[in-house]
C-alpha atoms as a PDB file:
ATOM      1  CA  MET A   1      25.541  -4.348  16.327  1.00  0.00           C
ATOM      2  CA  SER A   2      27.078  -3.509  19.777  1.00  0.00           C
ATOM      3  CA  ILE A   3      25.025  -2.487  22.694  1.00  0.00           C
ATOM      4  CA  ILE A   4      26.169  -0.379  25.300  1.00  0.00           C
ATOM      5  CA  VAL A   5      25.023  -1.519  28.763  1.00  0.00           C
ATOM      6  CA  PRO A   6      25.443   1.091  31.742  1.00  0.00           C
ATOM      7  CA  GLU A   7      27.130  -0.277  34.811  1.00  0.00           C
ATOM      8  CA  ARG A   8      24.502  -1.671  37.072  1.00  0.00           C
ATOM      9  CA  LYS A   9      24.567  -2.819  40.655  1.00  0.00           C
ATOM     10  CA  TRP A  10      21.943  -5.339  41.345  1.00  0.00           C
ATOM     11  CA  THR A  11      20.888  -6.143  45.048  1.00  0.00           C
ATOM     12  CA  GLU A  12      18.375  -8.891  45.676  1.00  0.00           C
ATOM     13  CA  THR A  13      16.441  -9.701  49.087  1.00  0.00           C
ATOM     14  CA  ALA A  14      14.275 -12.583  49.591  1.00  0.00           C
ATOM     15  CA  ALA A  15      11.498 -12.400  51.968  1.00  0.00           C
ATOM     16  CA  GLY A  16       9.311 -15.459  51.838  1.00  0.00           C
ATOM     17  CA  SER A  17       8.195 -16.104  48.371  1.00  0.00           C
ATOM     18  CA  GLN A  18       8.828 -12.431  47.206  1.00  0.00           C
ATOM     19  CA  VAL A  19      11.991 -11.105  45.775  1.00  0.00           C
ATOM     20  CA  THR A  20      12.800  -7.508  45.546  1.00  0.00           C
ATOM     21  CA  VAL A  21      15.301  -6.293  42.764  1.00  0.00           C
ATOM     22  CA  THR A  22      17.034  -2.854  43.028  1.00  0.00           C
ATOM     23  CA  VAL A  23      18.686  -1.375  39.958  1.00  0.00           C
ATOM     24  CA  GLU A  24      20.862   1.434  39.970  1.00  0.00           C
ATOM     25  CA  GLY A  25      21.520   3.638  36.986  1.00  0.00           C
ATOM     26  CA  SER A  26      19.449   4.546  34.157  1.00  0.00           C
ATOM     27  CA  ALA A  27      18.085   1.841  31.681  1.00  0.00           C
ATOM     28  CA  PRO A  28      19.586   1.509  28.237  1.00  0.00           C
ATOM     29  CA  VAL A  29      17.497   2.427  25.039  1.00  0.00           C
ATOM     30  CA  GLN A  30      16.125  -0.595  23.778  1.00  0.00           C
ATOM     31  CA  PRO A  31      17.382  -1.184  20.139  1.00  0.00           C
ATOM     32  CA  GLN A  32      14.822  -1.310  17.466  1.00  0.00           C
ATOM     33  CA  PRO A  33      14.459  -4.576  15.283  1.00  0.00           C
ATOM     34  CA  GLN A  34      16.436  -4.252  11.923  1.00  0.00           C
ATOM     35  CA  GLY A  35      13.943  -5.895   9.999  1.00  0.00           C
ATOM     36  CA  LEU A  36      11.192  -3.234  10.717  1.00  0.00           C
ATOM     37  CA  ARG A  37      12.394  -0.087   9.159  1.00  0.00           C
ATOM     38  CA  ALA A  38      10.434   2.136   6.625  1.00  0.00           C
ATOM     39  CA  PRO A  39      10.658   5.702   5.491  1.00  0.00           C
ATOM     40  CA  ASP A  40       8.664   8.282   7.200  1.00  0.00           C
ATOM     41  CA  THR A  41       5.744   8.452   4.927  1.00  0.00           C
ATOM     42  CA  PRO A  42       2.409   7.710   5.168  1.00  0.00           C
ATOM     43  CA  LEU A  43       2.496   4.273   3.556  1.00  0.00           C
ATOM     44  CA  GLY A  44       5.671   3.507   5.522  1.00  0.00           C
ATOM     45  CA  ARG A  45       4.249   4.525   8.680  1.00  0.00           C
ATOM     46  CA  ALA A  46       1.176   2.132   8.213  1.00  0.00           C
ATOM     47  CA  ARG A  47       3.384  -0.720   7.444  1.00  0.00           C
ATOM     48  CA  LEU A  48       5.344  -0.267  10.665  1.00  0.00           C
ATOM     49  CA  ALA A  49       2.119   0.278  12.736  1.00  0.00           C
ATOM     50  CA  ARG A  50       1.112  -3.153  11.777  1.00  0.00           C
ATOM     51  CA  GLY A  51       4.528  -4.476  12.592  1.00  0.00           C
ATOM     52  CA  TRP A  52       5.059  -5.886   9.129  1.00  0.00           C
ATOM     53  CA  SER A  53       8.230  -6.532   7.014  1.00  0.00           C
ATOM     54  CA  ARG A  54       8.057  -5.285   3.200  1.00  0.00           C
ATOM     55  CA  GLU A  55       7.963  -9.193   2.598  1.00  0.00           C
ATOM     56  CA  ARG A  56       5.031  -9.816   4.950  1.00  0.00           C
ATOM     57  CA  THR A  57       3.337  -6.800   3.127  1.00  0.00           C
ATOM     58  CA  VAL A  58       3.794  -8.135  -0.240  1.00  0.00           C
ATOM     59  CA  ARG A  59       2.622 -11.692   0.761  1.00  0.00           C
ATOM     60  CA  ALA A  60      -0.567 -10.077   2.081  1.00  0.00           C
ATOM     61  CA  LEU A  61      -1.107  -8.017  -0.895  1.00  0.00           C
ATOM     62  CA  LEU A  62      -0.671 -11.330  -2.940  1.00  0.00           C
ATOM     63  CA  ALA A  63      -3.077 -13.293  -0.740  1.00  0.00           C
ATOM     64  CA  LEU A  64      -5.760 -10.439  -0.432  1.00  0.00           C
ATOM     65  CA  ALA A  65      -5.539 -10.218  -4.457  1.00  0.00           C
ATOM     66  CA  ASP A  66      -5.751 -13.801  -4.939  1.00  0.00           C
ATOM     67  CA  HIS A  67      -8.861 -13.969  -2.642  1.00  0.00           C
ATOM     68  CA  TRP A  68     -10.450 -11.386  -4.566  1.00  0.00           C
ATOM     69  CA  GLY A  69      -9.460 -13.167  -7.946  1.00  0.00           C
ATOM     70  CA  TRP A  70      -7.419 -10.025  -9.137  1.00  0.00           C
ATOM     71  CA  GLN A  71      -4.413 -10.193 -11.484  1.00  0.00           C
ATOM     72  CA  VAL A  72      -1.540  -8.439  -9.861  1.00  0.00           C
ATOM     73  CA  ALA A  73       2.338  -8.528 -10.421  1.00  0.00           C
ATOM     74  CA  THR A  74       4.716 -11.303  -9.108  1.00  0.00           C
ATOM     75  CA  GLU A  75       6.121 -11.148  -5.518  1.00  0.00           C
ATOM     76  CA  ASP A  76       9.597  -9.881  -6.647  1.00  0.00           C
ATOM     77  CA  SER A  77       8.006  -7.153  -8.784  1.00  0.00           C
ATOM     78  CA  LEU A  78       5.722  -6.042  -5.768  1.00  0.00           C
ATOM     79  CA  LYS A  79       8.746  -5.865  -3.547  1.00  0.00           C
ATOM     80  CA  VAL A  80      10.220  -3.407  -5.869  1.00  0.00           C
ATOM     81  CA  GLN A  81       6.921  -1.598  -6.399  1.00  0.00           C
ATOM     82  CA  LEU A  82       6.283  -1.284  -2.581  1.00  0.00           C
ATOM     83  CA  HIS A  83       9.884   0.042  -1.923  1.00  0.00           C
ATOM     84  CA  ARG A  84       9.110   2.816  -4.528  1.00  0.00           C
ATOM     85  CA  TRP A  85       5.678   3.684  -3.257  1.00  0.00           C
ATOM     86  CA  GLU A  86       6.955   3.761   0.410  1.00  0.00           C
ATOM     87  CA  HIS A  87       9.743   6.078  -0.576  1.00  0.00           C
ATOM     88  CA  GLN A  88       7.373   8.065  -2.904  1.00  0.00           C
ATOM     89  CA  ARG A  89       9.233   7.609  -6.056  1.00  0.00           C
ATOM     90  CA  GLY A  90       5.879   6.565  -7.772  1.00  0.00           C
ATOM     91  CA  THR A  91       2.176   6.230  -7.016  1.00  0.00           C
ATOM     92  CA  PRO A  92       0.381   2.899  -7.075  1.00  0.00           C
ATOM     93  CA  CYS A  93      -2.373   2.537  -9.793  1.00  0.00           C
ATOM     94  CA  GLU A  94      -5.924   2.200  -8.621  1.00  0.00           C
ATOM     95  CA  THR A  95      -5.708  -1.610  -8.189  1.00  0.00           C
ATOM     96  CA  TYR A  96      -2.800  -1.467  -5.681  1.00  0.00           C
ATOM     97  CA  ARG A  97      -4.373   1.501  -4.019  1.00  0.00           C
ATOM     98  CA  VAL A  98      -7.783  -0.408  -3.319  1.00  0.00           C
ATOM     99  CA  LEU A  99      -5.575  -3.362  -2.242  1.00  0.00           C
ATOM    100  CA  LEU A 100      -3.262  -1.433   0.027  1.00  0.00           C
ATOM    101  CA  CYS A 101      -6.323   0.544   1.442  1.00  0.00           C
ATOM    102  CA  ALA A 102      -8.009  -2.677   2.248  1.00  0.00           C
ATOM    103  CA  LEU A 103      -4.936  -4.226   3.599  1.00  0.00           C
ATOM    104  CA  PHE A 104      -4.219  -1.361   6.043  1.00  0.00           C
ATOM    105  CA  ARG A 105      -7.866  -0.664   6.751  1.00  0.00           C
ATOM    106  CA  ALA A 106      -7.133   3.148   5.768  1.00  0.00           C
ATOM    107  CA  THR A 107      -8.275   5.703   3.347  1.00  0.00           C
ATOM    108  CA  PRO A 108      -6.262   6.530   0.345  1.00  0.00           C
ATOM    109  CA  ALA A 109      -5.524  10.172   1.789  1.00  0.00           C
ATOM    110  CA  ALA A 110      -4.204   8.368   5.133  1.00  0.00           C
ATOM    111  CA  LEU A 111      -2.028   6.310   2.981  1.00  0.00           C
ATOM    112  CA  GLY A 112      -0.634   9.317   1.207  1.00  0.00           C
ATOM    113  CA  PHE A 113      -2.371   8.674  -2.171  1.00  0.00           C
ATOM    114  CA  THR A 114      -3.495  12.089  -3.236  1.00  0.00           C
ATOM    115  CA  ASP A 115      -4.660  12.472  -6.719  1.00  0.00           C
ATOM    116  CA  ARG A 116      -2.965  15.065  -8.844  1.00  0.00           C
ATOM    117  CA  PRO A 117      -5.705  17.526  -9.865  1.00  0.00           C
ATOM    118  CA  GLN A 118      -6.374  17.367 -13.680  1.00  0.00           C
ATOM    119  CA  PRO A 119      -6.769  20.583 -15.607  1.00  0.00           C
ATOM    120  CA  ALA A 120     -10.093  21.651 -16.186  1.00  0.00           C
ATOM    121  CA  ALA A 121     -11.429  21.030 -19.538  1.00  0.00           C
ATOM    122  CA  THR A 122     -12.753  23.975 -21.702  1.00  0.00           C
ATOM    123  CA  ARG A 123     -16.183  24.102 -23.058  1.00  0.00           C
ATOM    124  CA  GLN A 124     -14.630  23.366 -26.567  1.00  0.00           C
ATOM    125  CA  GLU A 125     -12.778  20.440 -25.423  1.00  0.00           C
ATOM    126  CA  LEU A 126     -15.577  18.847 -23.792  1.00  0.00           C
ATOM    127  CA  ALA A 127     -17.780  19.545 -26.956  1.00  0.00           C
ATOM    128  CA  ALA A 128     -14.986  17.995 -29.234  1.00  0.00           C
ATOM    129  CA  ARG A 129     -14.903  15.090 -26.741  1.00  0.00           C
ATOM    130  CA  LEU A 130     -18.733  14.486 -26.948  1.00  0.00           C
ATOM    131  CA  ASP A 131     -18.645  14.897 -30.815  1.00  0.00           C
ATOM    132  CA  ALA A 132     -15.972  12.245 -30.917  1.00  0.00           C
ATOM    133  CA  LEU A 133     -17.839   9.820 -28.589  1.00  0.00           C
ATOM    134  CA  GLU A 134     -21.164  10.320 -30.488  1.00  0.00           C
ATOM    135  CA  SER A 135     -19.348   9.597 -33.726  1.00  0.00           C
ATOM    136  CA  MET A 136     -18.016   6.454 -32.140  1.00  0.00           C
ATOM    137  CA  VAL A 137     -21.234   5.271 -30.855  1.00  0.00           C
ATOM    138  CA  MET A 138     -22.914   5.927 -34.555  1.00  0.00           C
ATOM    139  CA  ARG A 139     -20.044   3.730 -36.043  1.00  0.00           C
ATOM    140  CA  LEU A 140     -20.465   0.989 -33.679  1.00  0.00           C
ATOM    141  CA  THR A 141     -24.221   0.942 -33.939  1.00  0.00           C
ATOM    142  CA  ALA A 142     -23.845   0.532 -37.761  1.00  0.00           C
ATOM    143  CA  ALA A 143     -21.234  -2.257 -37.308  1.00  0.00           C
ATOM    144  CA  VAL A 144     -23.443  -4.123 -34.934  1.00  0.00           C
ATOM    145  CA  THR A 145     -26.583  -3.711 -37.197  1.00  0.00           C
ATOM    146  CA  ALA A 146     -24.599  -4.905 -40.110  1.00  0.00           C
ATOM    147  CA  ILE A 147     -23.443  -7.855 -38.441  1.00  0.00           C
ATOM    148  CA  GLY A 148     -26.863  -8.789 -37.239  1.00  0.00           C
ATOM    149  CA  THR A 149     -28.292  -8.278 -40.922  1.00  0.00           C
ATOM    150  CA  ALA A 150     -25.577 -10.549 -42.129  1.00  0.00           C
ATOM    151  CA  GLU A 151     -26.355 -13.142 -39.645  1.00  0.00           C
ATOM    152  CA  ALA A 152     -30.117 -13.147 -40.303  1.00  0.00           C
ATOM    153  CA  SER A 153     -29.477 -13.371 -43.903  1.00  0.00           C
ATOM    154  CA  ALA A 154     -27.263 -16.408 -43.625  1.00  0.00           C
END
């Protein structure tokens, strides 16, 4: 990377212990660090606001998950996932949403994690789900009762 510096004239005058420096010409634009780039997405901006690299963010995610006793992916896998999430090529699951929100001290909406609206279930669909759940509860209750009766007999 080459930096173009405008031609400058420096003059220094010393008066006792004070030094005055006069610079003529406009100041060059300061180059941005190469390691701190991110896409212009809410998650990418949150990472840059912290001044963190992708690697630093992944290490922080791993440390927080370890502190909480949560199981998460490996460091290499998280690097790939974070890249995908920052480029909005996927949405993190609830575990990573909670970790990222805690890490960046932000709401899910502030990090761009908007839930896709679920289509509303019809009354018939809800009734069918309820019937299936009631049936499952009845089968499980019968199975637990049978196990308890068998153990009492033994």
